[in-house]
């Protein structure tokens, strides 16, 4: 987990680890998972950005999401990654 220009608290790190376990339950052949958290200044509101990179056999899946809180950005990103991972898994089953 990489927090860019800030220090993530333990609750946030635990939330991310819990959410990543859902991905591992969905697809056991994940090679590596990286999470990047960033703060982006866009006017008066600081946008929270979460990005997940999953290395899977033969590919790297990347999803980015943003929201007012890191928790919402992570939830959004995990939901998107689950959809992509399901499609990836189905595609592998159809090929193999």
Protein backbone atom coordinates (compact mmCIF):
# COMPACT_ATOMS: atom_id res chain seq x y z
CA UNK A 1 0.00 0.00 0.00
CA UNK A 2 1.45 3.32 -1.07
CA UNK A 3 0.15 6.60 0.31
CA UNK A 4 1.42 9.53 -1.73
CA UNK A 5 2.20 12.72 0.26
CA UNK A 6 0.40 11.62 3.45
CA UNK A 7 0.44 8.86 6.07
CA UNK A 8 -2.49 6.43 5.98
CA UNK A 9 -3.92 5.47 9.37
CA UNK A 10 -4.23 1.87 10.57
CA UNK A 11 -8.01 1.73 10.08
CA UNK A 12 -7.64 2.67 6.42
CA UNK A 13 -4.88 0.10 5.89
CA UNK A 14 -6.99 -2.60 7.57
CA UNK A 15 -9.97 -1.69 5.37
CA UNK A 16 -7.83 -2.01 2.25
CA UNK A 17 -6.44 -5.39 3.35
CA UNK A 18 -9.96 -6.66 4.05
CA UNK A 19 -11.18 -5.51 0.63
CA UNK A 20 -8.18 -7.08 -1.14
CA UNK A 21 -8.99 -10.40 0.52
CA UNK A 22 -12.34 -10.33 -1.31
CA UNK A 23 -10.43 -10.13 -4.59
CA UNK A 24 -8.23 -13.05 -3.58
CA UNK A 25 -11.33 -15.10 -2.73
CA UNK A 26 -12.77 -14.32 -6.15
CA UNK A 27 -9.57 -15.20 -8.03
CA UNK A 28 -6.85 -17.19 -6.28
CA UNK A 29 -4.20 -16.69 -8.99
CA UNK A 30 -3.47 -13.04 -8.22
CA UNK A 31 0.32 -12.67 -8.34
CA UNK A 32 0.61 -9.23 -6.75
CA UNK A 33 -1.63 -6.39 -5.63
CA UNK A 34 -0.60 -2.76 -5.24
CA UNK A 35 -2.77 0.03 -3.87
CA UNK A 36 -1.97 3.70 -4.32
CA UNK A 37 -3.76 6.43 -2.37
CA UNK A 38 -3.35 10.03 -3.50
CA UNK A 39 -4.67 13.45 -2.57
CA UNK A 40 -5.45 15.70 -5.49
CA UNK A 41 -6.18 19.39 -5.12
CA UNK A 42 -8.94 20.45 -7.46
CA UNK A 43 -9.98 23.87 -6.27
CA UNK A 44 -11.35 24.00 -2.73
CA UNK A 45 -12.11 20.27 -2.45
CA UNK A 46 -9.30 17.74 -2.03
CA UNK A 47 -10.21 14.71 -4.09
CA UNK A 48 -9.17 11.33 -2.67
CA UNK A 49 -7.92 8.90 -5.31
CA UNK A 50 -7.51 5.13 -4.93
CA UNK A 51 -5.77 3.05 -7.58
CA UNK A 52 -5.42 -0.73 -7.58
CA UNK A 53 -2.97 -2.67 -9.76
CA UNK A 54 -3.41 -6.42 -9.86
CA UNK A 55 -0.86 -8.63 -11.54
CA UNK A 56 -2.54 -11.77 -12.80
CA UNK A 57 -1.19 -14.47 -15.13
CA UNK A 58 -0.50 -12.79 -18.47
CA UNK A 59 -1.87 -9.35 -17.59
CA UNK A 60 -1.96 -6.37 -15.23
CA UNK A 61 -5.38 -5.01 -14.29
CA UNK A 62 -5.55 -1.35 -13.22
CA UNK A 63 -8.52 0.49 -11.76
CA UNK A 64 -8.68 4.04 -10.46
CA UNK A 65 -11.49 5.72 -8.52
CA UNK A 66 -11.99 9.00 -6.72
CA UNK A 67 -14.34 10.39 -4.11
CA UNK A 68 -14.58 12.77 -1.16
CA UNK A 69 -13.21 10.10 1.20
CA UNK A 70 -10.65 7.35 0.77
CA UNK A 71 -13.15 4.78 2.05
CA UNK A 72 -15.62 5.66 -0.72
CA UNK A 73 -12.86 5.74 -3.33
CA UNK A 74 -11.65 2.30 -2.21
CA UNK A 75 -15.18 0.84 -2.25
CA UNK A 76 -15.78 2.21 -5.74
CA UNK A 77 -12.43 0.91 -6.99
CA UNK A 78 -12.90 -2.56 -5.46
CA UNK A 79 -16.39 -2.89 -7.00
CA UNK A 80 -15.01 -1.99 -10.42
CA UNK A 81 -12.06 -4.37 -9.99
CA UNK A 82 -14.43 -7.22 -9.04
CA UNK A 83 -16.34 -6.72 -12.32
CA UNK A 84 -13.11 -6.63 -14.33
CA UNK A 85 -11.70 -9.65 -12.50
CA UNK A 86 -14.89 -11.65 -13.16
CA UNK A 87 -14.63 -10.82 -16.88
CA UNK A 88 -10.92 -11.72 -16.89
CA UNK A 89 -11.63 -15.01 -15.13
CA UNK A 90 -14.46 -15.88 -17.54
CA UNK A 91 -12.27 -15.03 -20.52
CA UNK A 92 -9.53 -17.38 -19.21
CA UNK A 93 -12.09 -20.17 -18.72
CA UNK A 94 -13.36 -19.73 -22.28
CA UNK A 95 -9.83 -19.81 -23.71
CA UNK A 96 -8.49 -22.65 -21.56
